[in-house]
Amino acid sequence: MIVVTGSTGNIGRVLVEALTAAGEQVIAVSRGTLPVSTPEGAKYQRADLAEPETLLPAVDGARALFLLVSGAGAHLSPREILDVAKAGGVQRVVLLSSQAVGTRPQSVSHAPLRGIEDAVRRSGTAWTILRPGGFASNAFAWSESVRTRRTVAAPFGDVGLPVVDPADIAEVAAAVLREDRHAGQVYELTGPALTTPRQRARIIGEALGEPVRFVEQTGDEARAQMIRFMPEPVVDGTLGILGEPTPAEQRISVHTEQILGHAPRSFDGWAQRHIHAFR
């Protein structure tokens, strides 16, 4: 049995589907209270990682755990979470971390994730760490302005990053959870090419069949918008990556293709699959 935390999100939903399609028994975990539908082969269990003891019914008898933390994970006790998982029988942990843990080792914004990575390494389980770059699904933040005004506003319009499709992260996670050969590995996950915010706005417009206007924000404008729903250190860290990415953050990773046997999905493909959100 495999336990998937964050099972109702962009990655978790696809991961649960991929695992059940492969014949695995899955416990889908989230902290929400609303009813959740799961595919055949999966059961839902509510748990809140901020209260590690609530995870015990989900991990009882499980062999593997996919660990996805909300935000930067600063509010969590990773040692307690991992102790509960091991008490339930978990022998393998796959952690969803962030590329910036490796590319910006001194960043305040990603210090909690570094601590969680360290705890996973010391957990005594067979561990694997996934470090994706920016998500293609971050473009959902533009959905309202595209629907109502056919406009995208973003900073650093001509700075390219290889954003990753969450479906690729989920498929890599499914493979890593099921295969022994990935123990002790850290995998960086990116898309297949650099795209800029201006290009991503154009791609969404092409998928809609209507032009989408790009409006470049200043860094201060973007910061004022982001600070309303993100902690200040995370805002500053995110803007640093978006505006002045390091060469490592612009590098195309080979890990997705090595694990899955096919190239990463493009932003064009992501936009086509999710264009209903922008109509």
Protein backbone atom coordinates (compact mmCIF):
# COMPACT_ATOMS: atom_id res chain seq x y z
CA MET A 1 0.00 0.00 0.00
CA ILE A 2 1.19 3.51 -0.87
CA VAL A 3 0.13 6.67 0.97
CA VAL A 4 -0.12 9.93 -1.00
CA THR A 5 -0.32 13.18 0.97
CA GLY A 6 -1.57 16.29 -0.81
CA SER A 7 -3.78 13.94 -2.82
CA THR A 8 -6.29 16.57 -3.98
CA GLY A 9 -3.76 18.94 -5.58
CA ASN A 10 -2.31 19.29 -9.09
CA ILE A 11 0.28 16.58 -8.44
CA GLY A 12 -1.49 14.37 -5.93
CA ARG A 13 -4.60 13.73 -8.04
CA VAL A 14 -2.54 12.58 -11.01
CA LEU A 15 -0.24 10.52 -8.79
CA VAL A 16 -3.16 8.65 -7.21
CA GLU A 17 -4.55 7.89 -10.67
CA ALA A 18 -1.16 6.72 -11.96
CA LEU A 19 -0.59 4.41 -9.00
CA THR A 20 -4.05 2.84 -9.08
CA ALA A 21 -3.78 2.38 -12.86
CA ALA A 22 -0.57 0.41 -12.15
CA GLY A 23 -2.49 -1.85 -9.78
CA GLU A 24 -1.33 -0.32 -6.51
CA GLN A 25 -3.53 0.04 -3.44
CA VAL A 26 -3.46 3.71 -2.43
CA ILE A 27 -4.48 5.75 0.58
CA ALA A 28 -5.18 9.29 -0.63
CA VAL A 29 -4.59 11.81 2.16
CA SER A 30 -5.49 15.47 2.50
CA ARG A 31 -6.41 17.78 5.35
CA GLY A 32 -9.70 18.95 3.81
CA THR A 33 -13.10 18.06 5.21
CA LEU A 34 -15.11 18.02 1.98
CA PRO A 35 -15.96 14.65 0.36
CA VAL A 36 -13.25 13.43 -2.01
CA SER A 37 -13.81 10.98 -4.86
CA THR A 38 -11.00 8.53 -5.54
CA PRO A 39 -10.41 6.07 -8.39
CA GLU A 40 -10.97 2.36 -7.89
CA GLY A 41 -8.09 0.99 -5.84
CA ALA A 42 -7.78 4.10 -3.67
CA LYS A 43 -9.31 5.04 -0.34
CA TYR A 44 -9.47 8.50 1.19
CA GLN A 45 -8.20 9.34 4.66
CA ARG A 46 -8.19 12.80 6.21
CA ALA A 47 -4.99 13.79 8.01
CA ASP A 48 -3.17 17.01 8.80
CA LEU A 49 0.63 16.90 8.70
CA ALA A 50 0.67 19.72 11.26
CA GLU A 51 -0.82 17.10 13.64
CA PRO A 52 1.37 14.08 12.82
CA GLU A 53 -0.64 11.63 14.93
CA THR A 54 -3.59 12.07 12.56
CA LEU A 55 -1.49 10.39 9.86
CA LEU A 56 -1.19 7.09 11.72
CA PRO A 57 -4.46 5.49 10.47
CA ALA A 58 -3.40 6.23 6.88
CA VAL A 59 0.12 4.79 7.14
CA ASP A 60 -0.84 1.69 9.15
CA GLY A 61 0.40 -1.19 6.99
CA ALA A 62 1.77 1.06 4.21
CA ARG A 63 5.11 0.38 2.57
CA ALA A 64 5.71 3.79 0.95
CA LEU A 65 4.82 7.44 1.55
CA PHE A 66 4.71 10.37 -0.85
CA LEU A 67 5.35 13.44 1.28
CA LEU A 68 4.08 16.78 -0.04
CA VAL A 69 4.10 19.72 2.37
CA SER A 70 2.04 22.86 2.00
CA GLY A 71 3.82 26.18 1.62
CA ALA A 72 7.45 25.94 2.62
CA GLY A 73 6.71 23.50 5.44
CA ALA A 74 7.86 25.88 8.17
CA HIS A 75 4.89 24.92 10.39
CA LEU A 76 5.70 21.20 10.38
CA SER A 77 7.75 18.82 12.52
CA PRO A 78 9.28 16.50 9.90
CA ARG A 79 10.86 14.22 12.50
CA GLU A 80 7.47 13.56 14.12
CA ILE A 81 5.83 12.95 10.73
CA LEU A 82 8.52 10.47 9.76
CA ASP A 83 8.39 8.74 13.15
CA VAL A 84 4.65 8.21 12.68
CA ALA A 85 5.22 6.90 9.15
CA LYS A 86 7.85 4.42 10.31
CA ALA A 87 5.63 3.30 13.19
CA GLY A 88 2.97 2.46 10.60
CA GLY A 89 5.41 0.33 8.61
CA VAL A 90 6.58 2.78 5.92
CA GLN A 91 9.94 1.74 4.48
CA ARG A 92 10.20 4.19 1.56
CA VAL A 93 9.66 7.97 1.53
CA VAL A 94 9.53 10.14 -1.56
CA LEU A 95 9.69 13.85 -0.71
CA LEU A 96 8.53 16.60 -3.02
CA SER A 97 11.04 19.38 -2.38
CA SER A 98 12.16 22.28 -4.60
CA GLN A 99 14.92 22.95 -7.07
CA ALA A 100 15.88 26.05 -5.08
CA VAL A 101 17.00 23.93 -2.13
CA GLY A 102 19.93 22.91 -4.31
CA THR A 103 20.42 26.04 -6.40
CA ARG A 104 20.08 28.56 -3.54
CA PRO A 105 21.40 26.76 -0.47
CA GLN A 106 21.56 29.93 1.64
CA SER A 107 18.06 31.19 0.84
CA VAL A 108 15.85 31.95 3.82
CA SER A 109 12.74 31.13 1.80
CA HIS A 110 13.68 27.48 1.36
CA ALA A 111 15.33 26.82 4.73
CA PRO A 112 12.31 24.83 6.02
CA LEU A 113 12.43 22.53 3.00
CA ARG A 114 16.16 22.02 3.54
CA GLY A 115 15.33 20.93 7.08
CA ILE A 116 12.70 18.50 5.82
CA GLU A 117 15.16 17.06 3.30
CA ASP A 118 17.69 16.55 6.10
CA ALA A 119 15.08 14.80 8.25
CA VAL A 120 14.13 12.48 5.39
CA ARG A 121 17.78 11.56 4.83
CA ARG A 122 18.16 10.73 8.53
CA SER A 123 14.86 8.88 8.77
CA GLY A 124 16.24 5.37 8.32
CA THR A 125 13.93 4.75 5.36
CA ALA A 126 14.82 4.28 1.70
CA TRP A 127 14.37 7.88 0.57
CA THR A 128 14.21 9.76 -2.72
CA ILE A 129 13.96 13.54 -3.10
CA LEU A 130 12.28 15.25 -6.06
CA ARG A 131 13.30 18.85 -6.75
CA PRO A 132 11.08 20.40 -9.43
CA GLY A 133 11.54 23.90 -10.76
CA GLY A 134 8.65 26.30 -11.30
CA PHE A 135 5.32 24.68 -12.14
CA ALA A 136 3.50 25.24 -15.43
CA SER A 137 0.34 25.28 -13.31
CA ASN A 138 1.41 28.58 -11.72
CA ALA A 139 -0.21 30.04 -14.84
CA PHE A 140 -3.58 29.30 -13.21
CA ALA A 141 -2.95 32.56 -11.35
CA TRP A 142 -3.66 34.29 -14.67
CA SER A 143 -6.95 32.52 -15.34
CA GLU A 144 -9.28 35.25 -14.07
CA SER A 145 -7.55 38.06 -15.97
CA VAL A 146 -7.42 35.95 -19.13
CA ARG A 147 -11.11 35.02 -18.86
CA THR A 148 -12.30 38.56 -18.18
CA ARG A 149 -9.78 40.79 -19.99
CA ARG A 150 -7.65 38.50 -22.19
CA THR A 151 -4.65 39.92 -20.31
CA VAL A 152 -1.70 38.51 -18.39
CA ALA A 153 0.29 40.70 -15.99
CA ALA A 154 3.62 39.40 -14.72
CA PRO A 155 7.14 40.64 -13.96
CA PHE A 156 10.34 39.78 -15.86
CA GLY A 157 8.49 39.17 -19.10
CA ASP A 158 11.51 38.06 -21.10
CA VAL A 159 13.31 35.90 -18.54
CA GLY A 160 13.06 32.23 -19.46
CA LEU A 161 12.68 29.25 -17.13
CA PRO A 162 12.04 25.56 -17.93
CA VAL A 163 8.71 25.27 -16.09
CA VAL A 164 7.63 21.70 -15.37
CA ASP A 165 4.24 20.11 -15.95
CA PRO A 166 2.87 18.73 -12.65
CA ALA A 167 1.78 15.61 -14.55
CA ASP A 168 5.46 14.81 -15.15
CA ILE A 169 6.20 15.23 -11.44
CA ALA A 170 3.36 12.87 -10.61
CA GLU A 171 4.50 10.23 -13.10
CA VAL A 172 8.08 10.41 -11.86
CA ALA A 173 6.82 10.09 -8.28
CA ALA A 174 4.75 7.03 -9.23
CA ALA A 175 7.81 5.34 -10.75
CA VAL A 176 10.05 6.22 -7.82
CA LEU A 177 7.51 4.98 -5.27
CA ARG A 178 7.26 1.60 -7.00
CA GLU A 179 10.88 0.91 -8.00
CA ASP A 180 13.79 0.04 -5.69
CA ARG A 181 16.50 1.56 -7.88
CA HIS A 182 15.80 5.17 -6.87
CA ALA A 183 16.73 4.91 -3.19
CA GLY A 184 19.15 7.60 -2.05
CA GLN A 185 18.71 9.71 -5.21
CA VAL A 186 17.90 13.40 -5.67
CA TYR A 187 16.15 14.16 -8.94
CA GLU A 188 15.75 17.62 -10.46
CA LEU A 189 12.64 17.96 -12.65
CA THR A 190 12.12 20.63 -15.32
CA GLY A 191 10.30 21.15 -18.56
CA PRO A 192 11.91 20.55 -21.96
CA ALA A 193 12.69 24.19 -22.85
CA LEU A 194 12.95 27.71 -21.50
CA THR A 195 9.81 29.80 -21.83
CA THR A 196 9.25 33.38 -20.71
CA PRO A 197 6.07 34.81 -19.14
CA ARG A 198 5.46 36.71 -22.38
CA GLN A 199 5.74 33.48 -24.38
CA ARG A 200 3.48 31.59 -21.98
CA ALA A 201 0.81 34.28 -22.33
CA ARG A 202 1.05 33.95 -26.13
CA ILE A 203 0.79 30.15 -25.90
CA ILE A 204 -2.38 30.42 -23.81
CA GLY A 205 -3.80 32.81 -26.41
CA GLU A 206 -3.00 30.37 -29.21
CA ALA A 207 -4.75 27.58 -27.31
CA LEU A 208 -7.78 29.86 -26.87
CA GLY A 209 -7.73 30.98 -30.48
CA GLU A 210 -7.69 34.61 -29.33
CA PRO A 211 -4.78 36.95 -28.58
CA VAL A 212 -3.82 37.44 -24.93
CA ARG A 213 -2.14 40.77 -24.14
CA PHE A 214 0.95 40.70 -21.93
CA VAL A 215 1.48 43.54 -19.43
CA GLU A 216 4.85 43.62 -17.71
CA GLN A 217 4.72 44.41 -14.01
CA THR A 218 7.54 46.05 -12.12
CA GLY A 219 9.17 43.99 -9.42
CA ASP A 220 7.52 46.18 -6.77
CA GLU A 221 4.08 45.69 -8.34
CA ALA A 222 4.54 41.94 -8.39
CA ARG A 223 5.79 41.92 -4.80
CA ALA A 224 2.80 43.89 -3.57
CA GLN A 225 0.48 41.41 -5.26
CA MET A 226 2.29 38.29 -4.00
CA ILE A 227 2.70 39.47 -0.41
CA ARG A 228 -1.07 39.21 0.03
CA PHE A 229 -0.97 35.41 -0.03
CA MET A 230 2.68 34.38 0.46
CA PRO A 231 5.12 34.88 3.38
CA GLU A 232 7.61 37.67 2.76
CA PRO A 233 10.72 35.44 2.58
CA VAL A 234 8.98 33.20 0.02
CA VAL A 235 7.98 36.23 -2.06
CA ASP A 236 11.54 37.52 -2.09
CA GLY A 237 12.94 34.10 -2.94
CA THR A 238 10.43 33.59 -5.74
CA LEU A 239 11.10 37.00 -7.28
CA GLY A 240 14.82 36.30 -7.15
CA ILE A 241 14.37 33.12 -9.18
CA LEU A 242 11.94 34.73 -11.64
CA GLY A 243 14.09 37.82 -12.20
CA GLU A 244 17.65 36.58 -11.88
CA PRO A 245 17.72 32.79 -12.32
CA THR A 246 21.06 31.07 -11.90
CA PRO A 247 22.47 28.98 -14.75
CA ALA A 248 21.42 25.88 -12.79
CA GLU A 249 17.84 27.15 -12.64
CA GLN A 250 17.78 27.56 -16.42
CA ARG A 251 19.33 24.16 -17.09
CA ILE A 252 17.14 21.48 -18.69
CA SER A 253 17.23 18.39 -16.48
CA VAL A 254 17.60 14.90 -17.97
CA HIS A 255 16.05 13.09 -15.01
CA THR A 256 12.45 13.00 -16.24
CA GLU A 257 13.45 11.37 -19.51
CA GLN A 258 15.81 8.96 -17.75
CA ILE A 259 13.08 7.78 -15.39
CA LEU A 260 10.02 7.83 -17.68
CA GLY A 261 11.63 7.12 -21.04
CA HIS A 262 10.11 10.17 -22.73
CA ALA A 263 10.86 13.88 -22.88
CA PRO A 264 9.16 16.19 -20.39
CA ARG A 265 5.82 17.69 -21.40
CA SER A 266 5.87 21.18 -22.88
CA PHE A 267 4.02 24.27 -21.64
CA ASP A 268 2.08 24.17 -24.92
CA GLY A 269 0.72 20.76 -23.97
CA TRP A 270 -0.14 21.90 -20.46
CA ALA A 271 -2.04 24.89 -21.84
CA GLN A 272 -3.99 22.73 -24.29
CA ARG A 273 -5.03 20.30 -21.54
CA HIS A 274 -6.13 23.05 -19.14
CA ILE A 275 -7.47 25.69 -21.50
CA HIS A 276 -10.97 25.35 -19.98
CA ALA A 277 -9.66 27.31 -16.97
CA PHE A 278 -8.97 30.31 -19.22
CA ARG A 279 -12.13 30.40 -21.34
